[in-house]
Amino acid sequence: MEIPLFADGPADASTTWGQTAETITLSVPLPPSSRPRVSFKPRRLVIATTTAAAAAEEVLLDCELCGEISTQESWWSFSDGVLVLELMKRPCEGEMPWWPSAVPGGKQGPPREAARPDLQRLDAKIGEQVVKPGQFEGKSSFRW
């Protein structure tokens, strides 16, 4: 699900984010002639760009993140005018945290879905335990 990054809608209101249990994904539209530069820190993200027309680098986004990321496993790509960032969440106490938003004060995402139990059909379990007629001779080793 793509959610606007900021609640108030600044100039880069078309920047969206979404999350899974392991990652935060950001999509940032840029002019196709841009040359983006991305800097990952455990709790901070910086996106800057230069264009052919401008010699100076322009910082598009420099903000704190709502959680910690693994800088070694996070990556980004730029094609067709869209910068896509995959930020790998860092586990907290053995569990992946669910971020309320990508950045503090940003647009909130949906709440975490409750984990569904791993259900199996009961007859699949019973079928494994059933003794076939040829294997059972009417004798049992069970004693009261």
C-alpha atoms as a PDB file:
ATOM      1  CA  MET A   1       0.000   0.000   0.000  1.00  0.00           C
ATOM      2  CA  GLU A   2       1.424   3.371  -1.025  1.00  0.00           C
ATOM      3  CA  ILE A   3       0.897   6.115   1.571  1.00  0.00           C
ATOM      4  CA  PRO A   4       1.979   9.773   1.204  1.00  0.00           C
ATOM      5  CA  LEU A   5       5.169  10.285   3.220  1.00  0.00           C
ATOM      6  CA  PHE A   6       4.087  13.535   4.866  1.00  0.00           C
ATOM      7  CA  ALA A   7       0.695  14.339   6.364  1.00  0.00           C
ATOM      8  CA  ASP A   8       0.766  18.058   5.495  1.00  0.00           C
ATOM      9  CA  GLY A   9       1.761  17.607   1.849  1.00  0.00           C
ATOM     10  CA  PRO A  10       4.912  19.684   1.203  1.00  0.00           C
ATOM     11  CA  ALA A  11       6.375  20.170  -2.266  1.00  0.00           C
ATOM     12  CA  ASP A  12       7.326  16.485  -2.521  1.00  0.00           C
ATOM     13  CA  ALA A  13       3.817  15.261  -1.661  1.00  0.00           C
ATOM     14  CA  SER A  14       4.098  12.627  -4.388  1.00  0.00           C
ATOM     15  CA  THR A  15       6.683  10.756  -2.290  1.00  0.00           C
ATOM     16  CA  THR A  16       4.984   7.627  -0.951  1.00  0.00           C
ATOM     17  CA  TRP A  17       5.861   4.826   1.437  1.00  0.00           C
ATOM     18  CA  GLY A  18       4.705   1.354   2.401  1.00  0.00           C
ATOM     19  CA  GLN A  19       5.923  -1.426   4.649  1.00  0.00           C
ATOM     20  CA  THR A  20       6.085  -5.164   5.049  1.00  0.00           C
ATOM     21  CA  ALA A  21       7.205  -7.084   8.126  1.00  0.00           C
ATOM     22  CA  GLU A  22      10.866  -6.718   7.050  1.00  0.00           C
ATOM     23  CA  THR A  23      11.090  -3.570   4.902  1.00  0.00           C
ATOM     24  CA  ILE A  24      10.047   0.036   4.420  1.00  0.00           C
ATOM     25  CA  THR A  25       9.691   1.049   0.748  1.00  0.00           C
ATOM     26  CA  LEU A  26       9.874   4.686  -0.357  1.00  0.00           C
ATOM     27  CA  SER A  27       9.051   5.896  -3.895  1.00  0.00           C
ATOM     28  CA  VAL A  28      10.328   9.348  -4.849  1.00  0.00           C
ATOM     29  CA  PRO A  29       9.532  10.733  -8.321  1.00  0.00           C
ATOM     30  CA  LEU A  30      12.436  12.713  -9.820  1.00  0.00           C
ATOM     31  CA  PRO A  31      13.164  14.227 -13.226  1.00  0.00           C
ATOM     32  CA  PRO A  32      14.615  11.492 -15.494  1.00  0.00           C
ATOM     33  CA  SER A  33      17.839  13.489 -15.997  1.00  0.00           C
ATOM     34  CA  SER A  34      18.514  13.540 -12.229  1.00  0.00           C
ATOM     35  CA  ARG A  35      21.480  11.894 -10.582  1.00  0.00           C
ATOM     36  CA  PRO A  36      20.351  10.944  -7.064  1.00  0.00           C
ATOM     37  CA  ARG A  37      22.614  10.393  -4.084  1.00  0.00           C
ATOM     38  CA  VAL A  38      21.248   8.483  -1.088  1.00  0.00           C
ATOM     39  CA  SER A  39      22.802   8.248   2.356  1.00  0.00           C
ATOM     40  CA  PHE A  40      21.576   5.645   4.859  1.00  0.00           C
ATOM     41  CA  LYS A  41      22.228   5.919   8.577  1.00  0.00           C
ATOM     42  CA  PRO A  42      20.605   3.665  11.191  1.00  0.00           C
ATOM     43  CA  ARG A  43      17.945   6.293  12.059  1.00  0.00           C
ATOM     44  CA  ARG A  44      18.384   8.914   9.316  1.00  0.00           C
ATOM     45  CA  LEU A  45      17.845   9.172   5.561  1.00  0.00           C
ATOM     46  CA  VAL A  46      19.282  11.790   3.197  1.00  0.00           C
ATOM     47  CA  ILE A  47      18.277  12.055  -0.471  1.00  0.00           C
ATOM     48  CA  ALA A  48      20.039  14.609  -2.667  1.00  0.00           C
ATOM     49  CA  THR A  49      20.046  15.097  -6.426  1.00  0.00           C
ATOM     50  CA  THR A  50      21.848  16.963  -9.162  1.00  0.00           C
ATOM     51  CA  THR A  51      20.458  17.650 -12.610  1.00  0.00           C
ATOM     52  CA  ALA A  52      22.211  18.467 -15.842  1.00  0.00           C
ATOM     53  CA  ALA A  53      20.965  22.072 -15.599  1.00  0.00           C
ATOM     54  CA  ALA A  54      22.056  22.652 -11.993  1.00  0.00           C
ATOM     55  CA  ALA A  55      25.664  22.291 -10.979  1.00  0.00           C
ATOM     56  CA  ALA A  56      24.908  22.325  -7.242  1.00  0.00           C
ATOM     57  CA  GLU A  57      23.460  19.405  -5.348  1.00  0.00           C
ATOM     58  CA  GLU A  58      19.931  19.888  -3.966  1.00  0.00           C
ATOM     59  CA  VAL A  59      18.895  18.074  -0.775  1.00  0.00           C
ATOM     60  CA  LEU A  60      15.367  16.730  -1.285  1.00  0.00           C
ATOM     61  CA  LEU A  61      14.920  14.885   1.979  1.00  0.00           C
ATOM     62  CA  ASP A  62      16.960  14.924   5.181  1.00  0.00           C
ATOM     63  CA  CYS A  63      14.966  13.414   8.025  1.00  0.00           C
ATOM     64  CA  GLU A  64      14.911  11.058  10.966  1.00  0.00           C
ATOM     65  CA  LEU A  65      13.265   7.658  10.557  1.00  0.00           C
ATOM     66  CA  CYS A  66      10.660   6.172  12.913  1.00  0.00           C
ATOM     67  CA  GLY A  67      12.783   3.103  13.507  1.00  0.00           C
ATOM     68  CA  GLU A  68      16.228   1.666  12.964  1.00  0.00           C
ATOM     69  CA  ILE A  69      17.354   0.236   9.631  1.00  0.00           C
ATOM     70  CA  SER A  70      20.183  -2.037   8.603  1.00  0.00           C
ATOM     71  CA  THR A  71      22.405   0.169   6.448  1.00  0.00           C
ATOM     72  CA  GLN A  72      24.246  -2.837   4.992  1.00  0.00           C
ATOM     73  CA  GLU A  73      21.082  -4.530   3.701  1.00  0.00           C
ATOM     74  CA  SER A  74      19.182  -1.428   2.533  1.00  0.00           C
ATOM     75  CA  TRP A  75      19.391  -0.446  -1.141  1.00  0.00           C
ATOM     76  CA  TRP A  76      18.015   1.958  -3.740  1.00  0.00           C
ATOM     77  CA  SER A  77      17.473   2.097  -7.506  1.00  0.00           C
ATOM     78  CA  PHE A  78      16.587   4.854  -9.954  1.00  0.00           C
ATOM     79  CA  SER A  79      14.848   4.231 -13.274  1.00  0.00           C
ATOM     80  CA  ASP A  80      12.111   5.854 -15.355  1.00  0.00           C
ATOM     81  CA  GLY A  81      12.131   8.929 -13.137  1.00  0.00           C
ATOM     82  CA  VAL A  82      11.362   7.058  -9.900  1.00  0.00           C
ATOM     83  CA  LEU A  83      13.809   6.577  -7.036  1.00  0.00           C
ATOM     84  CA  VAL A  84      12.866   3.438  -5.067  1.00  0.00           C
ATOM     85  CA  LEU A  85      14.423   2.819  -1.655  1.00  0.00           C
ATOM     86  CA  GLU A  86      14.156  -0.495   0.215  1.00  0.00           C
ATOM     87  CA  LEU A  87      15.028   0.064   3.865  1.00  0.00           C
ATOM     88  CA  MET A  88      15.575  -3.172   5.781  1.00  0.00           C
ATOM     89  CA  LYS A  89      14.217  -2.888   9.323  1.00  0.00           C
ATOM     90  CA  ARG A  90      16.552  -3.812  12.145  1.00  0.00           C
ATOM     91  CA  PRO A  91      14.994  -6.405  14.498  1.00  0.00           C
ATOM     92  CA  CYS A  92      14.217  -5.274  18.033  1.00  0.00           C
ATOM     93  CA  GLU A  93      14.313  -8.026  20.674  1.00  0.00           C
ATOM     94  CA  GLY A  94      14.190 -10.704  17.963  1.00  0.00           C
ATOM     95  CA  GLU A  95      11.064  -9.268  16.352  1.00  0.00           C
ATOM     96  CA  MET A  96      10.616  -6.902  13.415  1.00  0.00           C
ATOM     97  CA  PRO A  97       8.979  -3.665  14.602  1.00  0.00           C
ATOM     98  CA  TRP A  98       5.901  -2.209  12.891  1.00  0.00           C
ATOM     99  CA  TRP A  99       6.441   1.477  12.160  1.00  0.00           C
ATOM    100  CA  PRO A 100       3.483   3.844  12.666  1.00  0.00           C
ATOM    101  CA  SER A 101       4.923   6.063   9.893  1.00  0.00           C
ATOM    102  CA  ALA A 102       8.158   6.229   7.912  1.00  0.00           C
ATOM    103  CA  VAL A 103       9.223   9.576   9.406  1.00  0.00           C
ATOM    104  CA  PRO A 104       8.201  11.275  12.669  1.00  0.00           C
ATOM    105  CA  GLY A 105       5.173  13.472  12.022  1.00  0.00           C
ATOM    106  CA  GLY A 106       4.563  11.737   8.702  1.00  0.00           C
ATOM    107  CA  LYS A 107       1.381  10.212   7.337  1.00  0.00           C
ATOM    108  CA  GLN A 108       0.506   7.121   9.358  1.00  0.00           C
ATOM    109  CA  GLY A 109       0.140   3.745   7.738  1.00  0.00           C
ATOM    110  CA  PRO A 110      -2.333   0.990   8.545  1.00  0.00           C
ATOM    111  CA  PRO A 111      -1.962  -0.847  11.858  1.00  0.00           C
ATOM    112  CA  ARG A 112      -0.184  -4.177  11.900  1.00  0.00           C
ATOM    113  CA  GLU A 113      -2.418  -7.050  10.896  1.00  0.00           C
ATOM    114  CA  ALA A 114      -2.799  -9.683  13.570  1.00  0.00           C
ATOM    115  CA  ALA A 115      -0.746 -12.742  12.788  1.00  0.00           C
ATOM    116  CA  ARG A 116      -2.934 -15.476  11.408  1.00  0.00           C
ATOM    117  CA  PRO A 117      -2.485 -18.905  12.944  1.00  0.00           C
ATOM    118  CA  ASP A 118      -1.093 -21.576  10.666  1.00  0.00           C
ATOM    119  CA  LEU A 119      -4.218 -23.685  10.151  1.00  0.00           C
ATOM    120  CA  GLN A 120      -4.279 -27.153   8.624  1.00  0.00           C
ATOM    121  CA  ARG A 121      -7.195 -29.376   7.869  1.00  0.00           C
ATOM    122  CA  LEU A 122      -7.889 -31.738  10.754  1.00  0.00           C
ATOM    123  CA  ASP A 123      -8.335 -34.765   8.489  1.00  0.00           C
ATOM    124  CA  ALA A 124      -4.758 -34.287   7.267  1.00  0.00           C
ATOM    125  CA  LYS A 125      -3.526 -34.783  10.833  1.00  0.00           C
ATOM    126  CA  ILE A 126      -5.935 -37.627  11.595  1.00  0.00           C
ATOM    127  CA  GLY A 127      -5.045 -39.413   8.377  1.00  0.00           C
ATOM    128  CA  GLU A 128      -1.444 -39.754   9.527  1.00  0.00           C
ATOM    129  CA  GLN A 129      -2.508 -41.443  12.758  1.00  0.00           C
ATOM    130  CA  VAL A 130      -5.044 -43.906  11.386  1.00  0.00           C
ATOM    131  CA  VAL A 131      -3.943 -47.519  11.459  1.00  0.00           C
ATOM    132  CA  LYS A 132      -4.607 -49.368   8.244  1.00  0.00           C
ATOM    133  CA  PRO A 133      -6.676 -52.569   8.561  1.00  0.00           C
ATOM    134  CA  GLY A 134      -3.753 -54.801   7.599  1.00  0.00           C
ATOM    135  CA  GLN A 135      -1.513 -53.360  10.318  1.00  0.00           C
ATOM    136  CA  PHE A 136      -3.853 -53.901  13.275  1.00  0.00           C
ATOM    137  CA  GLU A 137      -4.435 -57.434  14.525  1.00  0.00           C
ATOM    138  CA  GLY A 138      -6.680 -56.637  17.482  1.00  0.00           C
ATOM    139  CA  LYS A 139      -3.816 -56.744  19.979  1.00  0.00           C
ATOM    140  CA  SER A 140      -2.808 -53.720  21.969  1.00  0.00           C
ATOM    141  CA  SER A 141       0.160 -53.125  24.222  1.00  0.00           C
ATOM    142  CA  PHE A 142      -1.888 -50.669  26.264  1.00  0.00           C
ATOM    143  CA  ARG A 143      -2.775 -51.875  29.772  1.00  0.00           C
ATOM    144  CA  TRP A 144      -4.938 -50.228  32.455  1.00  0.00           C
END
